[in-house]
C-alpha cells in the first residue's frame, strides 16, 4: 500500500502543490511535538501537585480514610480514658475499703503483673510498627483488660467472704483474754517501747502483759482455729496462736497449762489454758498479742476492760456448756 501524497499551499501562487518535505524531517518534528507535550504535562503536574500542594485522587482517598480511622481511634482512646479512670477508682476502693474490711491482703503480684498472658498476636503487633498509634491503642486496651480481670477476681474473693460477714463479728478478738475483774489482775506492761525486764535496754513490747495468779483461766478472745501450740524453755514458753480469719490472729504466751491442740476450732470465751511463767518470764503473767494482716497491733484497741463481770461469766459458762466433752472432763497438757 502506497503512502498518501501530501500537498502544501504555495503562498505565492495560492495553489496546492505536492509537498517536497523529507520524511525524516517530518519524523523529527513529530518527536519534538511529543517531547514538548511530555514536558508540558510534567510541568502541569508539578504546578498542580508540587507547587500548589494539591493531592492526587488516590492520595485524597487514602487521606480521607486515614482521617476517618483516626477519628475512630480518638473516640476509642477517650473511652479508654474514662474506663481507666473508673477502674482506678474501683482499684482504690477495693484495696483500701473492701479488702481491708475483710482483712484481705493486697492482690498477689502475679495477678497485677503485666506479664499475664495476652490475647494479642505478637507478630501482628510487630507488623503495625513501634510508633503506630494503632499498636499503642491495642497495648493499652490489653493492659486495661488485664487490670479488669484482676479486679474481677478480687471482687469474687470479696463476694465469697461477704457471705460469711455474719461470722466476722464473732471472729474479731474483742474481749479481754482473762476475767476483767480488776481485783484479780493488773496490766504490768502495756503495748509499746519499754525496758526489757531480763536483758535491759529499750525494746518494743508487742503485746500486753496481764499480771495475775498462776492457774488463772485464759479465754479465747474470738472464734477461730488453733494455728499452733508450742512448748518452749525460752522466749514465750508455752504459747498458743489462734487464727481468727479475716486477717486476725491472737497469741497467748507464758502459759502454765494448755487445753487445746493444733487444728481445734475455738469459740470466743472458751478456756484454752491457764496463766503461768514459762519461758523468759520473771513472774506469773499472760503475754497477749493481736496481729492484723501480719502486723502486731495494740491489743488494747480491741478489748474493753470495763466489760461487766456478769456478762463475761455468762459468756464463759455458755462456752463451757458448748465445749467438747474432752475439755469438760478436765483435759490438760502440762510441761512442767
C-alpha atoms as a PDB file:
ATOM      1  CA  UNK A   1       0.000   0.000   0.000  1.00  0.00           C
ATOM      2  CA  UNK A   2       1.496   3.323  -1.120  1.00  0.00           C
ATOM      3  CA  UNK A   3       1.783   6.261   1.256  1.00  0.00           C
ATOM      4  CA  UNK A   4      -0.778   9.007   0.568  1.00  0.00           C
ATOM      5  CA  UNK A   5       0.591  12.134  -1.097  1.00  0.00           C
ATOM      6  CA  UNK A   6       0.749  15.358   0.903  1.00  0.00           C
ATOM      7  CA  UNK A   7       0.090  18.801  -0.593  1.00  0.00           C
ATOM      8  CA  UNK A   8       1.163  22.178   0.784  1.00  0.00           C
ATOM      9  CA  UNK A   9      -0.296  25.643  -0.009  1.00  0.00           C
ATOM     10  CA  UNK A  10       2.083  27.842  -2.018  1.00  0.00           C
ATOM     11  CA  UNK A  11       1.707  31.386  -0.624  1.00  0.00           C
ATOM     12  CA  UNK A  12       2.950  32.967  -3.819  1.00  0.00           C
ATOM     13  CA  UNK A  13       0.708  31.177  -6.292  1.00  0.00           C
ATOM     14  CA  UNK A  14      -2.037  30.363  -3.825  1.00  0.00           C
ATOM     15  CA  UNK A  15      -2.083  26.870  -5.284  1.00  0.00           C
ATOM     16  CA  UNK A  16      -1.718  23.499  -3.540  1.00  0.00           C
ATOM     17  CA  UNK A  17       1.489  21.870  -4.701  1.00  0.00           C
ATOM     18  CA  UNK A  18       2.889  18.427  -3.962  1.00  0.00           C
ATOM     19  CA  UNK A  19       4.861  18.580  -0.676  1.00  0.00           C
ATOM     20  CA  UNK A  20       8.593  18.289  -1.025  1.00  0.00           C
ATOM     21  CA  UNK A  21       9.429  17.987   2.808  1.00  0.00           C
ATOM     22  CA  UNK A  22      11.699  14.997   3.517  1.00  0.00           C
ATOM     23  CA  UNK A  23      10.190  12.163   5.528  1.00  0.00           C
ATOM     24  CA  UNK A  24      12.969  12.244   8.155  1.00  0.00           C
ATOM     25  CA  UNK A  25      12.196  15.870   8.869  1.00  0.00           C
ATOM     26  CA  UNK A  26       8.572  15.081   9.485  1.00  0.00           C
ATOM     27  CA  UNK A  27       9.531  12.285  11.927  1.00  0.00           C
ATOM     28  CA  UNK A  28      11.796  14.643  13.854  1.00  0.00           C
ATOM     29  CA  UNK A  29       9.022  17.203  14.026  1.00  0.00           C
ATOM     30  CA  UNK A  30       6.571  14.647  15.403  1.00  0.00           C
ATOM     31  CA  UNK A  31       9.100  13.540  18.023  1.00  0.00           C
ATOM     32  CA  UNK A  32       9.679  17.133  19.093  1.00  0.00           C
ATOM     33  CA  UNK A  33       5.941  17.705  19.416  1.00  0.00           C
ATOM     34  CA  UNK A  34       5.664  14.556  21.552  1.00  0.00           C
ATOM     35  CA  UNK A  35       8.559  15.587  23.817  1.00  0.00           C
ATOM     36  CA  UNK A  36       7.180  19.096  24.231  1.00  0.00           C
ATOM     37  CA  UNK A  37       3.828  17.566  25.193  1.00  0.00           C
ATOM     38  CA  UNK A  38       5.534  15.427  27.835  1.00  0.00           C
ATOM     39  CA  UNK A  39       7.380  18.433  29.245  1.00  0.00           C
ATOM     40  CA  UNK A  40       4.189  20.491  29.332  1.00  0.00           C
ATOM     41  CA  UNK A  41       2.320  17.608  31.055  1.00  0.00           C
ATOM     42  CA  UNK A  42       5.107  17.233  33.618  1.00  0.00           C
ATOM     43  CA  UNK A  43       5.105  20.973  34.214  1.00  0.00           C
ATOM     44  CA  UNK A  44       1.331  20.878  34.691  1.00  0.00           C
ATOM     45  CA  UNK A  45       1.513  18.095  37.272  1.00  0.00           C
ATOM     46  CA  UNK A  46       4.399  19.814  39.083  1.00  0.00           C
ATOM     47  CA  UNK A  47       2.480  23.075  39.316  1.00  0.00           C
ATOM     48  CA  UNK A  48      -0.727  21.294  40.347  1.00  0.00           C
ATOM     49  CA  UNK A  49       0.618  18.827  42.908  1.00  0.00           C
ATOM     50  CA  UNK A  50       4.048  20.179  43.803  1.00  0.00           C
ATOM     51  CA  UNK A  51       3.692  23.928  43.777  1.00  0.00           C
ATOM     52  CA  UNK A  52       0.002  24.235  44.687  1.00  0.00           C
ATOM     53  CA  UNK A  53       0.088  21.179  47.004  1.00  0.00           C
ATOM     54  CA  UNK A  54      -2.996  19.509  45.644  1.00  0.00           C
ATOM     55  CA  UNK A  55      -3.457  15.741  46.169  1.00  0.00           C
ATOM     56  CA  UNK A  56      -3.838  13.086  43.579  1.00  0.00           C
ATOM     57  CA  UNK A  57      -7.216  11.335  43.590  1.00  0.00           C
ATOM     58  CA  UNK A  58      -5.697   8.225  45.182  1.00  0.00           C
ATOM     59  CA  UNK A  59      -3.847  10.244  47.832  1.00  0.00           C
ATOM     60  CA  UNK A  60      -7.013  12.222  48.589  1.00  0.00           C
ATOM     61  CA  UNK A  61      -8.958   8.974  49.038  1.00  0.00           C
ATOM     62  CA  UNK A  62      -6.317   7.475  51.348  1.00  0.00           C
ATOM     63  CA  UNK A  63      -6.168  10.669  53.394  1.00  0.00           C
ATOM     64  CA  UNK A  64      -9.940  10.632  53.753  1.00  0.00           C
ATOM     65  CA  UNK A  65      -9.864   7.034  55.004  1.00  0.00           C
ATOM     66  CA  UNK A  66      -6.992   7.844  57.350  1.00  0.00           C
ATOM     67  CA  UNK A  67      -8.907  10.785  58.866  1.00  0.00           C
ATOM     68  CA  UNK A  68     -11.938   8.550  59.300  1.00  0.00           C
ATOM     69  CA  UNK A  69      -9.986   5.887  61.218  1.00  0.00           C
ATOM     70  CA  UNK A  70      -8.029   8.500  63.172  1.00  0.00           C
ATOM     71  CA  UNK A  71     -11.306   9.961  64.385  1.00  0.00           C
ATOM     72  CA  UNK A  72     -12.491   6.498  65.443  1.00  0.00           C
ATOM     73  CA  UNK A  73      -9.187   5.866  67.259  1.00  0.00           C
ATOM     74  CA  UNK A  74      -9.557   9.179  69.087  1.00  0.00           C
ATOM     75  CA  UNK A  75     -13.041   8.156  70.250  1.00  0.00           C
ATOM     76  CA  UNK A  76     -11.679   4.759  71.354  1.00  0.00           C
ATOM     77  CA  UNK A  77      -8.883   6.390  73.358  1.00  0.00           C
ATOM     78  CA  UNK A  78     -11.310   8.798  75.030  1.00  0.00           C
ATOM     79  CA  UNK A  79     -13.471   5.843  76.021  1.00  0.00           C
ATOM     80  CA  UNK A  80     -10.408   4.078  77.402  1.00  0.00           C
ATOM     81  CA  UNK A  81      -9.523   7.232  79.371  1.00  0.00           C
ATOM     82  CA  UNK A  82     -12.933   7.138  81.048  1.00  0.00           C
ATOM     83  CA  UNK A  83     -12.694   3.382  81.613  1.00  0.00           C
ATOM     84  CA  UNK A  84      -9.232   3.710  83.182  1.00  0.00           C
ATOM     85  CA  UNK A  85     -10.457   6.457  85.497  1.00  0.00           C
ATOM     86  CA  UNK A  86     -13.407   4.333  86.607  1.00  0.00           C
ATOM     87  CA  UNK A  87     -11.198   1.265  87.029  1.00  0.00           C
ATOM     88  CA  UNK A  88      -8.675   3.282  89.055  1.00  0.00           C
ATOM     89  CA  UNK A  89     -11.438   4.341  91.461  1.00  0.00           C
ATOM     90  CA  UNK A  90     -12.562   0.715  91.780  1.00  0.00           C
ATOM     91  CA  UNK A  91      -8.991  -0.444  92.441  1.00  0.00           C
ATOM     92  CA  UNK A  92      -8.538   2.112  95.232  1.00  0.00           C
ATOM     93  CA  UNK A  93     -11.925   1.318  96.758  1.00  0.00           C
ATOM     94  CA  UNK A  94     -11.304  -2.412  96.514  1.00  0.00           C
ATOM     95  CA  UNK A  95      -7.836  -2.250  98.072  1.00  0.00           C
ATOM     96  CA  UNK A  96      -8.461   0.330 100.786  1.00  0.00           C
ATOM     97  CA  UNK A  97     -12.067  -0.445 101.679  1.00  0.00           C
ATOM     98  CA  UNK A  98     -13.459  -3.813 100.608  1.00  0.00           C
ATOM     99  CA  UNK A  99     -10.338  -5.965 101.054  1.00  0.00           C
ATOM    100  CA  UNK A 100      -9.371  -4.088 104.207  1.00  0.00           C
ATOM    101  CA  UNK A 101     -12.794  -4.698 105.796  1.00  0.00           C
ATOM    102  CA  UNK A 102     -12.393  -8.442 105.403  1.00  0.00           C
ATOM    103  CA  UNK A 103      -8.732  -8.477 106.407  1.00  0.00           C
ATOM    104  CA  UNK A 104      -7.517  -9.486 102.959  1.00  0.00           C
ATOM    105  CA  UNK A 105      -4.000  -8.744 101.769  1.00  0.00           C
ATOM    106  CA  UNK A 106      -3.280  -6.835  98.589  1.00  0.00           C
ATOM    107  CA  UNK A 107      -3.775  -8.655  95.313  1.00  0.00           C
ATOM    108  CA  UNK A 108      -0.891 -11.046  94.527  1.00  0.00           C
ATOM    109  CA  UNK A 109       1.809  -9.503  92.335  1.00  0.00           C
ATOM    110  CA  UNK A 110       1.389 -12.201  89.687  1.00  0.00           C
ATOM    111  CA  UNK A 111      -2.209 -11.084  89.148  1.00  0.00           C
ATOM    112  CA  UNK A 112      -1.269  -7.398  88.892  1.00  0.00           C
ATOM    113  CA  UNK A 113       1.772  -8.037  86.679  1.00  0.00           C
ATOM    114  CA  UNK A 114       1.870  -7.026  83.020  1.00  0.00           C
ATOM    115  CA  UNK A 115       3.408 -10.447  82.344  1.00  0.00           C
ATOM    116  CA  UNK A 116      -0.007 -12.076  82.381  1.00  0.00           C
ATOM    117  CA  UNK A 117      -0.968 -13.935  79.218  1.00  0.00           C
ATOM    118  CA  UNK A 118      -2.051 -11.539  76.485  1.00  0.00           C
ATOM    119  CA  UNK A 119      -4.699 -12.101  73.827  1.00  0.00           C
ATOM    120  CA  UNK A 120      -2.713 -10.064  71.308  1.00  0.00           C
ATOM    121  CA  UNK A 121      -0.735 -11.689  68.495  1.00  0.00           C
ATOM    122  CA  UNK A 122       2.948 -10.597  68.810  1.00  0.00           C
ATOM    123  CA  UNK A 123       3.525 -10.984  65.059  1.00  0.00           C
ATOM    124  CA  UNK A 124       0.553  -8.768  64.266  1.00  0.00           C
ATOM    125  CA  UNK A 125       1.863  -6.115  66.673  1.00  0.00           C
ATOM    126  CA  UNK A 126       5.270  -6.135  65.004  1.00  0.00           C
ATOM    127  CA  UNK A 127       3.639  -5.555  61.630  1.00  0.00           C
ATOM    128  CA  UNK A 128       1.978  -2.425  62.984  1.00  0.00           C
ATOM    129  CA  UNK A 129       5.355  -0.848  63.781  1.00  0.00           C
ATOM    130  CA  UNK A 130       6.793   0.505  67.024  1.00  0.00           C
ATOM    131  CA  UNK A 131       5.452   4.027  66.641  1.00  0.00           C
ATOM    132  CA  UNK A 132       1.998   3.055  65.402  1.00  0.00           C
ATOM    133  CA  UNK A 133      -0.962   4.709  67.117  1.00  0.00           C
ATOM    134  CA  UNK A 134      -2.994   1.574  66.487  1.00  0.00           C
ATOM    135  CA  UNK A 135      -0.314  -0.558  68.168  1.00  0.00           C
ATOM    136  CA  UNK A 136      -0.213   1.647  71.281  1.00  0.00           C
ATOM    137  CA  UNK A 137      -4.017   1.554  71.483  1.00  0.00           C
ATOM    138  CA  UNK A 138      -4.007  -2.239  71.219  1.00  0.00           C
ATOM    139  CA  UNK A 139      -1.427  -2.498  74.029  1.00  0.00           C
ATOM    140  CA  UNK A 140      -3.326  -0.030  76.190  1.00  0.00           C
ATOM    141  CA  UNK A 141      -6.568  -1.940  75.722  1.00  0.00           C
ATOM    142  CA  UNK A 142      -4.775  -5.190  76.579  1.00  0.00           C
ATOM    143  CA  UNK A 143      -3.452  -3.735  79.856  1.00  0.00           C
ATOM    144  CA  UNK A 144      -6.926  -2.424  80.671  1.00  0.00           C
ATOM    145  CA  UNK A 145      -8.384  -5.898  80.154  1.00  0.00           C
ATOM    146  CA  UNK A 146      -5.717  -7.428  82.437  1.00  0.00           C
ATOM    147  CA  UNK A 147      -6.465  -4.942  85.213  1.00  0.00           C
ATOM    148  CA  UNK A 148     -10.191  -5.536  84.804  1.00  0.00           C
ATOM    149  CA  UNK A 149      -9.650  -9.290  85.066  1.00  0.00           C
ATOM    150  CA  UNK A 150      -7.560  -8.840  88.234  1.00  0.00           C
ATOM    151  CA  UNK A 151     -10.265  -6.725  89.868  1.00  0.00           C
ATOM    152  CA  UNK A 152     -12.988  -9.184  88.878  1.00  0.00           C
ATOM    153  CA  UNK A 153     -11.049 -11.987  90.608  1.00  0.00           C
ATOM    154  CA  UNK A 154     -10.620  -9.775  93.658  1.00  0.00           C
ATOM    155  CA  UNK A 155     -14.324  -8.940  93.803  1.00  0.00           C
ATOM    156  CA  UNK A 156     -15.115 -12.655  93.503  1.00  0.00           C
ATOM    157  CA  UNK A 157     -12.982 -13.233  96.600  1.00  0.00           C
ATOM    158  CA  UNK A 158     -14.627 -10.348  98.478  1.00  0.00           C
ATOM    159  CA  UNK A 159     -18.095 -11.568  97.450  1.00  0.00           C
ATOM    160  CA  UNK A 160     -17.336 -15.044  98.793  1.00  0.00           C
ATOM    161  CA  UNK A 161     -16.240 -13.583 102.121  1.00  0.00           C
ATOM    162  CA  UNK A 162     -19.197 -11.212 102.293  1.00  0.00           C
ATOM    163  CA  UNK A 163     -21.457 -14.262 102.571  1.00  0.00           C
ATOM    164  CA  UNK A 164     -19.672 -15.002 105.832  1.00  0.00           C
ATOM    165  CA  UNK A 165     -19.923 -11.460 107.149  1.00  0.00           C
ATOM    166  CA  UNK A 166     -22.189 -12.627 109.962  1.00  0.00           C
ATOM    167  CA  UNK A 167     -19.317 -14.717 111.309  1.00  0.00           C
ATOM    168  CA  UNK A 168     -16.859 -11.836 111.192  1.00  0.00           C
ATOM    169  CA  UNK A 169     -18.173 -10.096 114.310  1.00  0.00           C
ATOM    170  CA  UNK A 170     -17.610 -13.211 116.424  1.00  0.00           C
ATOM    171  CA  UNK A 171     -14.123 -13.778 114.975  1.00  0.00           C
ATOM    172  CA  UNK A 172     -12.633 -10.367 115.772  1.00  0.00           C
ATOM    173  CA  UNK A 173     -10.697 -10.575 119.101  1.00  0.00           C
ATOM    174  CA  UNK A 174     -12.988  -8.220 121.004  1.00  0.00           C
ATOM    175  CA  UNK A 175     -12.886  -9.311 124.681  1.00  0.00           C
ATOM    176  CA  UNK A 176     -10.152  -9.450 127.351  1.00  0.00           C
ATOM    177  CA  UNK A 177      -8.281 -12.794 127.480  1.00  0.00           C
ATOM    178  CA  UNK A 178      -8.884 -13.132 131.245  1.00  0.00           C
ATOM    179  CA  UNK A 179     -11.730 -12.268 133.603  1.00  0.00           C
ATOM    180  CA  UNK A 180     -11.875  -8.436 133.546  1.00  0.00           C
ATOM    181  CA  UNK A 181     -12.488  -8.179 137.312  1.00  0.00           C
ATOM    182  CA  UNK A 182      -9.852  -5.525 138.261  1.00  0.00           C
ATOM    183  CA  UNK A 183      -9.354  -7.152 141.669  1.00  0.00           C
ATOM    184  CA  UNK A 184      -7.740 -10.222 140.103  1.00  0.00           C
ATOM    185  CA  UNK A 185      -5.140  -8.728 137.711  1.00  0.00           C
ATOM    186  CA  UNK A 186      -3.196  -5.681 136.728  1.00  0.00           C
ATOM    187  CA  UNK A 187      -1.525  -4.662 133.468  1.00  0.00           C
ATOM    188  CA  UNK A 188       2.167  -4.894 134.246  1.00  0.00           C
ATOM    189  CA  UNK A 189       3.376  -3.892 130.793  1.00  0.00           C
ATOM    190  CA  UNK A 190       1.326  -2.230 128.019  1.00  0.00           C
ATOM    191  CA  UNK A 191       1.988  -2.249 124.289  1.00  0.00           C
ATOM    192  CA  UNK A 192       4.946  -0.083 123.258  1.00  0.00           C
ATOM    193  CA  UNK A 193       8.617   0.576 123.958  1.00  0.00           C
ATOM    194  CA  UNK A 194       9.818  -0.491 127.414  1.00  0.00           C
ATOM    195  CA  UNK A 195      12.933  -1.527 129.311  1.00  0.00           C
ATOM    196  CA  UNK A 196      13.418  -5.297 128.898  1.00  0.00           C
ATOM    197  CA  UNK A 197      12.985  -6.865 132.394  1.00  0.00           C
ATOM    198  CA  UNK A 198      15.627  -9.564 131.713  1.00  0.00           C
ATOM    199  CA  UNK A 199      18.223  -8.117 129.329  1.00  0.00           C
ATOM    200  CA  UNK A 200      17.735  -4.426 129.989  1.00  0.00           C
ATOM    201  CA  UNK A 201      17.740  -1.723 127.336  1.00  0.00           C
ATOM    202  CA  UNK A 202      14.747  -0.323 125.495  1.00  0.00           C
ATOM    203  CA  UNK A 203      12.843  -2.777 123.323  1.00  0.00           C
ATOM    204  CA  UNK A 204       9.468  -2.876 121.628  1.00  0.00           C
ATOM    205  CA  UNK A 205       6.887  -4.759 123.665  1.00  0.00           C
ATOM    206  CA  UNK A 206       4.491  -6.146 121.055  1.00  0.00           C
ATOM    207  CA  UNK A 207       1.676  -7.178 123.385  1.00  0.00           C
ATOM    208  CA  UNK A 208       0.012  -6.530 126.752  1.00  0.00           C
ATOM    209  CA  UNK A 209       1.078  -8.324 129.942  1.00  0.00           C
ATOM    210  CA  UNK A 210      -1.705  -9.299 132.353  1.00  0.00           C
ATOM    211  CA  UNK A 211      -0.096  -9.958 135.734  1.00  0.00           C
ATOM    212  CA  UNK A 212      -2.213 -12.368 137.809  1.00  0.00           C
ATOM    213  CA  UNK A 213      -2.057 -15.571 139.851  1.00  0.00           C
ATOM    214  CA  UNK A 214      -0.766 -18.809 138.412  1.00  0.00           C
ATOM    215  CA  UNK A 215      -3.618 -21.013 137.207  1.00  0.00           C
ATOM    216  CA  UNK A 216      -5.925 -18.113 136.247  1.00  0.00           C
ATOM    217  CA  UNK A 217      -8.027 -19.258 133.238  1.00  0.00           C
ATOM    218  CA  UNK A 218      -7.190 -17.829 129.819  1.00  0.00           C
ATOM    219  CA  UNK A 219     -10.022 -17.440 127.300  1.00  0.00           C
ATOM    220  CA  UNK A 220     -10.016 -17.143 123.515  1.00  0.00           C
ATOM    221  CA  UNK A 221     -10.918 -13.601 122.542  1.00  0.00           C
ATOM    222  CA  UNK A 222     -12.658 -14.562 119.287  1.00  0.00           C
ATOM    223  CA  UNK A 223     -13.808 -17.543 117.229  1.00  0.00           C
ATOM    224  CA  UNK A 224     -11.072 -19.252 115.285  1.00  0.00           C
ATOM    225  CA  UNK A 225      -8.833 -22.265 114.779  1.00  0.00           C
ATOM    226  CA  UNK A 226      -5.762 -23.116 116.846  1.00  0.00           C
ATOM    227  CA  UNK A 227      -2.903 -22.457 114.455  1.00  0.00           C
ATOM    228  CA  UNK A 228      -0.019 -23.600 116.639  1.00  0.00           C
ATOM    229  CA  UNK A 229       0.820 -24.844 120.120  1.00  0.00           C
ATOM    230  CA  UNK A 230       4.450 -24.624 121.256  1.00  0.00           C
ATOM    231  CA  UNK A 231       6.204 -25.680 124.454  1.00  0.00           C
ATOM    232  CA  UNK A 232       9.477 -23.773 124.732  1.00  0.00           C
ATOM    233  CA  UNK A 233      12.008 -23.396 127.561  1.00  0.00           C
ATOM    234  CA  UNK A 234      12.851 -19.870 126.403  1.00  0.00           C
ATOM    235  CA  UNK A 235      11.157 -16.849 124.840  1.00  0.00           C
ATOM    236  CA  UNK A 236       7.387 -17.134 125.012  1.00  0.00           C
ATOM    237  CA  UNK A 237       7.434 -20.519 126.758  1.00  0.00           C
ATOM    238  CA  UNK A 238       4.134 -22.355 126.382  1.00  0.00           C
ATOM    239  CA  UNK A 239       2.352 -20.395 123.673  1.00  0.00           C
ATOM    240  CA  UNK A 240      -0.891 -20.800 121.723  1.00  0.00           C
ATOM    241  CA  UNK A 241      -1.653 -18.983 118.477  1.00  0.00           C
ATOM    242  CA  UNK A 242      -5.230 -18.767 117.154  1.00  0.00           C
ATOM    243  CA  UNK A 243      -6.138 -17.824 113.580  1.00  0.00           C
ATOM    244  CA  UNK A 244      -9.451 -15.963 113.608  1.00  0.00           C
ATOM    245  CA  UNK A 245      -9.656 -15.410 109.864  1.00  0.00           C
ATOM    246  CA  UNK A 246     -10.335 -12.054 108.208  1.00  0.00           C
ATOM    247  CA  UNK A 247      -6.665 -11.174 108.790  1.00  0.00           C
ATOM    248  CA  UNK A 248      -6.751 -11.542 112.603  1.00  0.00           C
ATOM    249  CA  UNK A 249      -4.568 -13.715 114.843  1.00  0.00           C
ATOM    250  CA  UNK A 250      -4.014 -13.756 118.606  1.00  0.00           C
ATOM    251  CA  UNK A 251      -1.153 -15.175 120.667  1.00  0.00           C
ATOM    252  CA  UNK A 252      -1.176 -16.248 124.326  1.00  0.00           C
ATOM    253  CA  UNK A 253       2.281 -16.753 125.895  1.00  0.00           C
ATOM    254  CA  UNK A 254       3.980 -17.883 129.149  1.00  0.00           C
ATOM    255  CA  UNK A 255       1.057 -20.250 129.840  1.00  0.00           C
ATOM    256  CA  UNK A 256       1.189 -22.865 132.580  1.00  0.00           C
ATOM    257  CA  UNK A 257      -1.355 -25.355 131.187  1.00  0.00           C
ATOM    258  CA  UNK A 258      -2.621 -25.691 127.624  1.00  0.00           C
ATOM    259  CA  UNK A 259      -6.072 -27.165 126.998  1.00  0.00           C
ATOM    260  CA  UNK A 260      -6.117 -27.101 123.190  1.00  0.00           C
ATOM    261  CA  UNK A 261      -4.311 -28.759 120.281  1.00  0.00           C
ATOM    262  CA  UNK A 262      -3.448 -27.561 116.794  1.00  0.00           C
ATOM    263  CA  UNK A 263      -6.368 -27.566 114.354  1.00  0.00           C
ATOM    264  CA  UNK A 264      -9.030 -27.341 117.085  1.00  0.00           C
ATOM    265  CA  UNK A 265     -11.940 -24.983 116.423  1.00  0.00           C
ATOM    266  CA  UNK A 266     -12.348 -22.431 119.181  1.00  0.00           C
ATOM    267  CA  UNK A 267     -15.220 -20.169 120.230  1.00  0.00           C
ATOM    268  CA  UNK A 268     -14.925 -16.774 121.885  1.00  0.00           C
ATOM    269  CA  UNK A 269     -14.913 -17.195 125.674  1.00  0.00           C
ATOM    270  CA  UNK A 270     -13.676 -20.800 125.520  1.00  0.00           C
ATOM    271  CA  UNK A 271     -10.935 -21.603 128.049  1.00  0.00           C
ATOM    272  CA  UNK A 272      -7.684 -22.524 126.273  1.00  0.00           C
ATOM    273  CA  UNK A 273      -5.304 -22.779 129.247  1.00  0.00           C
ATOM    274  CA  UNK A 274      -4.053 -21.105 132.413  1.00  0.00           C
ATOM    275  CA  UNK A 275      -1.619 -18.351 133.335  1.00  0.00           C
ATOM    276  CA  UNK A 276       1.939 -19.315 134.243  1.00  0.00           C
ATOM    277  CA  UNK A 277       5.554 -18.162 133.971  1.00  0.00           C
ATOM    278  CA  UNK A 278       7.023 -20.483 131.323  1.00  0.00           C
ATOM    279  CA  UNK A 279       9.804 -19.312 129.034  1.00  0.00           C
ATOM    280  CA  UNK A 280      11.502 -15.957 129.629  1.00  0.00           C
ATOM    281  CA  UNK A 281       9.253 -14.645 132.363  1.00  0.00           C
ATOM    282  CA  UNK A 282      10.081 -13.011 135.684  1.00  0.00           C
ATOM    283  CA  UNK A 283       6.672 -13.667 137.218  1.00  0.00           C
ATOM    284  CA  UNK A 284       3.255 -15.216 136.654  1.00  0.00           C
ATOM    285  CA  UNK A 285       1.532 -13.361 133.818  1.00  0.00           C
ATOM    286  CA  UNK A 286      -0.111 -13.681 130.408  1.00  0.00           C
ATOM    287  CA  UNK A 287       1.552 -12.045 127.430  1.00  0.00           C
ATOM    288  CA  UNK A 288      -1.262 -11.370 124.918  1.00  0.00           C
ATOM    289  CA  UNK A 289      -0.764 -10.203 121.313  1.00  0.00           C
ATOM    290  CA  UNK A 290      -3.084  -9.293 118.441  1.00  0.00           C
ATOM    291  CA  UNK A 291      -1.906  -9.482 114.831  1.00  0.00           C
ATOM    292  CA  UNK A 292      -3.799  -7.941 111.944  1.00  0.00           C
ATOM    293  CA  UNK A 293      -2.717  -8.886 108.433  1.00  0.00           C
ATOM    294  CA  UNK A 294       0.648  -9.981 109.810  1.00  0.00           C
ATOM    295  CA  UNK A 295       1.310  -6.786 111.783  1.00  0.00           C
ATOM    296  CA  UNK A 296       1.370  -6.706 115.577  1.00  0.00           C
ATOM    297  CA  UNK A 297      -1.087  -4.080 116.803  1.00  0.00           C
ATOM    298  CA  UNK A 298      -2.065  -2.760 120.219  1.00  0.00           C
ATOM    299  CA  UNK A 299      -4.464  -5.291 121.829  1.00  0.00           C
ATOM    300  CA  UNK A 300      -5.940  -2.514 123.987  1.00  0.00           C
ATOM    301  CA  UNK A 301      -7.664  -1.199 120.856  1.00  0.00           C
ATOM    302  CA  UNK A 302      -9.797  -4.355 120.729  1.00  0.00           C
ATOM    303  CA  UNK A 303     -10.853  -5.378 124.239  1.00  0.00           C
ATOM    304  CA  UNK A 304     -12.944  -3.473 126.791  1.00  0.00           C
ATOM    305  CA  UNK A 305     -11.771  -3.935 130.384  1.00  0.00           C
ATOM    306  CA  UNK A 306     -14.924  -2.246 131.651  1.00  0.00           C
ATOM    307  CA  UNK A 307     -16.945  -5.229 130.423  1.00  0.00           C
ATOM    308  CA  UNK A 308     -19.408  -6.429 133.045  1.00  0.00           C
ATOM    309  CA  UNK A 309     -18.118  -9.336 135.130  1.00  0.00           C
ATOM    310  CA  UNK A 310     -21.563 -10.919 134.978  1.00  0.00           C
ATOM    311  CA  UNK A 311     -21.675 -10.616 131.180  1.00  0.00           C
ATOM    312  CA  UNK A 312     -18.212 -12.165 130.922  1.00  0.00           C
ATOM    313  CA  UNK A 313     -19.130 -15.001 133.289  1.00  0.00           C
ATOM    314  CA  UNK A 314     -22.324 -15.746 131.345  1.00  0.00           C
ATOM    315  CA  UNK A 315     -20.373 -15.965 128.095  1.00  0.00           C
ATOM    316  CA  UNK A 316     -17.773 -18.283 129.681  1.00  0.00           C
ATOM    317  CA  UNK A 317     -20.498 -20.519 131.153  1.00  0.00           C
ATOM    318  CA  UNK A 318     -22.187 -20.816 127.765  1.00  0.00           C
ATOM    319  CA  UNK A 319     -18.906 -21.770 126.102  1.00  0.00           C
ATOM    320  CA  UNK A 320     -18.218 -24.389 128.770  1.00  0.00           C
ATOM    321  CA  UNK A 321     -21.566 -25.994 128.019  1.00  0.00           C
ATOM    322  CA  UNK A 322     -20.801 -25.973 124.287  1.00  0.00           C
ATOM    323  CA  UNK A 323     -17.193 -27.148 124.642  1.00  0.00           C
ATOM    324  CA  UNK A 324     -16.130 -30.666 123.609  1.00  0.00           C
ATOM    325  CA  UNK A 325     -16.585 -33.342 126.254  1.00  0.00           C
ATOM    326  CA  UNK A 326     -12.816 -33.861 126.437  1.00  0.00           C
ATOM    327  CA  UNK A 327     -12.391 -30.311 127.773  1.00  0.00           C
ATOM    328  CA  UNK A 328     -15.278 -30.572 130.222  1.00  0.00           C
ATOM    329  CA  UNK A 329     -13.767 -33.757 131.634  1.00  0.00           C
ATOM    330  CA  UNK A 330     -10.631 -31.916 132.679  1.00  0.00           C
ATOM    331  CA  UNK A 331      -8.240 -32.477 129.746  1.00  0.00           C
ATOM    332  CA  UNK A 332      -4.853 -30.884 130.495  1.00  0.00           C
ATOM    333  CA  UNK A 333      -1.486 -30.581 128.786  1.00  0.00           C
ATOM    334  CA  UNK A 334       1.308 -29.939 131.251  1.00  0.00           C
ATOM    335  CA  UNK A 335       5.016 -29.415 130.569  1.00  0.00           C
ATOM    336  CA  UNK A 336       6.346 -28.563 133.995  1.00  0.00           C
END
